[in-house]
């Protein structure tokens, strides 16, 4: 099965992969650190911070699906393409 995710680099240079978990919600994986993210709460807080940084708006709601979040990230990224 093919998996699709979105690679994101924060302003401080940390890199993460966001992809869908088995329930359809966004899951975050640290790519630039030897220390994995600890627990769901840390992942959600970081996802919310990325969302605000990329879209300029607050996270839509606590149960936003990966489809909604990734789509919003893509719309924000498209504005920066040449």
N, C-alpha and C. Protein backbone atom coordinates (compact mmCIF):
# COMPACT_ATOMS: atom_id res chain seq x y z
N UNK A 1 0.84 -1.19 0.00
CA UNK A 1 0.00 0.00 0.00
C UNK A 1 0.88 1.25 0.00
N UNK A 2 0.54 2.20 -0.83
CA UNK A 2 1.27 3.46 -0.91
C UNK A 2 0.82 4.38 0.22
N UNK A 3 1.78 5.03 0.85
CA UNK A 3 1.47 6.01 1.89
C UNK A 3 1.88 7.38 1.40
N UNK A 4 1.10 8.38 1.76
CA UNK A 4 1.39 9.76 1.36
C UNK A 4 1.41 10.62 2.61
N UNK A 5 2.37 11.52 2.67
CA UNK A 5 2.47 12.44 3.79
C UNK A 5 2.97 13.78 3.30
N UNK A 6 3.13 14.69 4.21
CA UNK A 6 3.61 16.03 3.89
C UNK A 6 4.81 16.34 4.76
N UNK A 7 5.91 16.70 4.14
CA UNK A 7 7.13 17.06 4.84
C UNK A 7 7.06 18.55 5.16
N UNK A 8 7.35 18.90 6.43
CA UNK A 8 7.27 20.29 6.86
C UNK A 8 8.55 20.64 7.61
N UNK A 9 9.08 21.83 7.34
CA UNK A 9 10.23 22.31 8.10
C UNK A 9 9.80 23.56 8.84
N UNK A 10 10.04 23.58 10.14
CA UNK A 10 9.65 24.72 10.97
C UNK A 10 10.63 25.87 10.77
N UNK A 11 10.29 27.02 11.33
CA UNK A 11 11.15 28.20 11.21
C UNK A 11 12.52 27.97 11.83
N UNK A 12 12.59 27.10 12.86
CA UNK A 12 13.87 26.84 13.52
C UNK A 12 14.63 25.66 12.90
N UNK A 13 14.17 25.19 11.72
CA UNK A 13 14.90 24.18 10.97
C UNK A 13 14.56 22.74 11.30
N UNK A 14 13.65 22.50 12.22
CA UNK A 14 13.25 21.13 12.53
C UNK A 14 12.32 20.61 11.44
N UNK A 15 12.50 19.33 11.08
CA UNK A 15 11.70 18.75 10.00
C UNK A 15 10.79 17.65 10.53
N UNK A 16 9.57 17.63 10.00
CA UNK A 16 8.56 16.67 10.43
C UNK A 16 7.81 16.11 9.23
N UNK A 17 7.27 14.94 9.41
CA UNK A 17 6.39 14.32 8.42
C UNK A 17 5.01 14.24 9.04
N UNK A 18 4.01 14.72 8.30
CA UNK A 18 2.62 14.63 8.74
C UNK A 18 1.91 13.67 7.81
N UNK A 19 1.29 12.65 8.40
CA UNK A 19 0.51 11.71 7.59
C UNK A 19 -0.70 11.25 8.39
N UNK A 20 -1.56 10.52 7.74
CA UNK A 20 -2.81 10.07 8.34
C UNK A 20 -2.56 8.85 9.23
N UNK A 21 -3.17 8.86 10.43
CA UNK A 21 -3.08 7.66 11.26
C UNK A 21 -4.21 6.70 10.89
N UNK A 22 -4.31 5.58 11.57
CA UNK A 22 -5.30 4.56 11.21
C UNK A 22 -6.74 5.03 11.39
N UNK A 23 -6.95 6.12 12.11
CA UNK A 23 -8.31 6.64 12.33
C UNK A 23 -8.64 7.85 11.45
N UNK A 24 -7.70 8.25 10.59
CA UNK A 24 -7.93 9.36 9.68
C UNK A 24 -7.54 10.72 10.21
N UNK A 25 -6.80 10.75 11.32
CA UNK A 25 -6.39 12.02 11.91
C UNK A 25 -4.90 12.24 11.66
N UNK A 26 -4.45 13.50 11.66
CA UNK A 26 -3.04 13.78 11.38
C UNK A 26 -2.12 13.18 12.44
N UNK A 27 -1.00 12.63 12.00
CA UNK A 27 0.01 12.09 12.90
C UNK A 27 1.34 12.70 12.50
N UNK A 28 2.13 13.10 13.46
CA UNK A 28 3.36 13.85 13.23
C UNK A 28 4.57 13.01 13.64
N UNK A 29 5.60 13.00 12.80
CA UNK A 29 6.82 12.25 13.07
C UNK A 29 8.01 13.19 12.93
N UNK A 30 8.91 13.18 13.90
CA UNK A 30 10.12 14.01 13.84
C UNK A 30 11.11 13.38 12.88
N UNK A 31 11.60 14.15 11.90
CA UNK A 31 12.60 13.66 10.94
C UNK A 31 13.99 14.20 11.22
N UNK A 32 14.07 15.33 11.91
CA UNK A 32 15.37 15.99 12.07
C UNK A 32 15.92 15.84 13.48
N UNK A 33 15.36 14.97 14.27
CA UNK A 33 15.78 14.83 15.65
C UNK A 33 15.91 13.35 16.00
N UNK A 34 16.85 13.06 16.86
CA UNK A 34 16.98 11.69 17.34
C UNK A 34 15.90 11.36 18.37
N UNK A 35 15.27 12.40 18.90
CA UNK A 35 14.25 12.21 19.93
C UNK A 35 12.87 12.18 19.28
N UNK A 36 12.17 11.06 19.33
CA UNK A 36 10.81 11.02 18.77
C UNK A 36 9.85 11.87 19.60
N UNK A 37 8.78 12.30 18.97
CA UNK A 37 7.77 13.06 19.69
C UNK A 37 7.11 12.15 20.71
N UNK A 38 6.87 12.69 21.88
CA UNK A 38 6.31 11.91 22.98
C UNK A 38 4.80 12.12 23.09
N UNK A 39 4.04 11.13 22.73
CA UNK A 39 2.61 11.14 22.99
C UNK A 39 1.77 12.00 22.08
N UNK A 40 0.49 11.75 22.17
CA UNK A 40 -0.50 12.42 21.33
C UNK A 40 -0.58 13.91 21.64
N UNK A 41 -0.50 14.28 22.91
CA UNK A 41 -0.63 15.69 23.29
C UNK A 41 0.47 16.54 22.67
N UNK A 42 1.72 16.06 22.73
CA UNK A 42 2.84 16.80 22.13
C UNK A 42 2.65 16.93 20.62
N UNK A 43 2.22 15.85 19.97
CA UNK A 43 2.00 15.88 18.53
C UNK A 43 0.89 16.86 18.16
N UNK A 44 -0.20 16.87 18.94
CA UNK A 44 -1.31 17.80 18.63
C UNK A 44 -0.89 19.25 18.82
N UNK A 45 -0.15 19.53 19.88
CA UNK A 45 0.29 20.91 20.12
C UNK A 45 1.22 21.39 19.01
N UNK A 46 2.11 20.53 18.57
CA UNK A 46 3.02 20.90 17.48
C UNK A 46 2.26 21.06 16.17
N UNK A 47 1.28 20.19 15.93
CA UNK A 47 0.44 20.32 14.72
C UNK A 47 -0.29 21.64 14.71
N UNK A 48 -0.82 22.04 15.87
CA UNK A 48 -1.53 23.32 15.98
C UNK A 48 -0.59 24.49 15.72
N UNK A 49 0.64 24.40 16.23
CA UNK A 49 1.62 25.48 16.01
C UNK A 49 1.98 25.57 14.53
N UNK A 50 2.21 24.43 13.87
CA UNK A 50 2.48 24.43 12.43
C UNK A 50 1.31 25.01 11.66
N UNK A 51 0.12 24.63 12.04
CA UNK A 51 -1.07 25.10 11.34
C UNK A 51 -1.14 26.62 11.39
N UNK A 52 -0.95 27.19 12.58
CA UNK A 52 -1.00 28.65 12.73
C UNK A 52 0.13 29.31 11.95
N UNK A 53 1.33 28.71 12.00
CA UNK A 53 2.48 29.26 11.27
C UNK A 53 2.24 29.24 9.76
N UNK A 54 1.70 28.16 9.23
CA UNK A 54 1.54 28.03 7.79
C UNK A 54 0.31 28.74 7.23
N UNK A 55 -0.80 28.69 7.97
CA UNK A 55 -2.05 29.25 7.44
C UNK A 55 -2.36 30.63 7.97
N UNK A 56 -1.77 31.01 9.10
CA UNK A 56 -2.06 32.30 9.71
C UNK A 56 -3.37 32.32 10.48
N UNK A 57 -4.00 31.18 10.63
CA UNK A 57 -5.25 31.08 11.38
C UNK A 57 -5.14 29.99 12.44
N UNK A 58 -6.08 30.00 13.36
CA UNK A 58 -6.10 28.99 14.42
C UNK A 58 -6.51 27.64 13.85
N UNK A 59 -6.07 26.57 14.52
CA UNK A 59 -6.44 25.21 14.15
C UNK A 59 -7.96 25.12 14.06
N UNK A 60 -8.52 24.48 13.03
CA UNK A 60 -9.96 24.52 12.80
C UNK A 60 -10.81 24.02 13.98
N UNK A 61 -10.50 22.84 14.49
CA UNK A 61 -11.18 22.29 15.67
C UNK A 61 -10.41 21.06 16.13
N UNK A 62 -10.58 20.64 17.38
CA UNK A 62 -9.77 19.54 17.93
C UNK A 62 -9.84 18.23 17.15
N UNK A 63 -10.95 17.95 16.49
CA UNK A 63 -11.11 16.68 15.78
C UNK A 63 -10.97 16.82 14.27
N UNK A 64 -10.20 17.81 13.82
CA UNK A 64 -9.99 17.99 12.38
C UNK A 64 -9.28 16.76 11.81
N UNK A 65 -9.75 16.31 10.65
CA UNK A 65 -9.16 15.12 10.03
C UNK A 65 -7.88 15.48 9.29
N UNK A 66 -7.10 14.44 8.99
CA UNK A 66 -5.85 14.68 8.25
C UNK A 66 -6.14 15.28 6.89
N UNK A 67 -7.24 14.88 6.26
CA UNK A 67 -7.58 15.41 4.94
C UNK A 67 -7.76 16.93 5.01
N UNK A 68 -8.48 17.41 6.00
CA UNK A 68 -8.71 18.84 6.15
C UNK A 68 -7.41 19.58 6.44
N UNK A 69 -6.61 19.06 7.37
CA UNK A 69 -5.37 19.73 7.76
C UNK A 69 -4.37 19.75 6.61
N UNK A 70 -4.17 18.61 5.96
CA UNK A 70 -3.21 18.55 4.86
C UNK A 70 -3.66 19.42 3.69
N UNK A 71 -4.96 19.47 3.43
CA UNK A 71 -5.47 20.33 2.36
C UNK A 71 -5.17 21.79 2.66
N UNK A 72 -5.42 22.20 3.90
CA UNK A 72 -5.15 23.58 4.30
C UNK A 72 -3.66 23.89 4.16
N UNK A 73 -2.79 22.93 4.54
CA UNK A 73 -1.35 23.12 4.39
C UNK A 73 -0.97 23.27 2.92
N UNK A 74 -1.55 22.46 2.06
CA UNK A 74 -1.26 22.55 0.63
C UNK A 74 -1.71 23.89 0.06
N UNK A 75 -2.88 24.35 0.44
CA UNK A 75 -3.35 25.66 -0.04
C UNK A 75 -2.41 26.77 0.39
N UNK A 76 -1.90 26.70 1.62
CA UNK A 76 -0.97 27.70 2.10
C UNK A 76 0.35 27.62 1.34
N UNK A 77 0.83 26.39 1.06
CA UNK A 77 2.11 26.21 0.37
C UNK A 77 2.03 26.68 -1.08
N UNK A 78 0.89 26.48 -1.73
CA UNK A 78 0.73 26.86 -3.15
C UNK A 78 0.98 28.35 -3.33
N UNK A 79 0.63 29.16 -2.35
CA UNK A 79 0.83 30.60 -2.45
C UNK A 79 2.30 30.98 -2.56
N UNK A 80 3.20 30.09 -2.14
CA UNK A 80 4.64 30.37 -2.15
C UNK A 80 5.35 29.82 -3.36
N UNK A 81 4.62 29.11 -4.23
CA UNK A 81 5.23 28.54 -5.43
C UNK A 81 5.43 29.64 -6.48
N UNK A 82 6.48 29.50 -7.30
CA UNK A 82 6.72 30.52 -8.34
C UNK A 82 5.66 30.44 -9.43
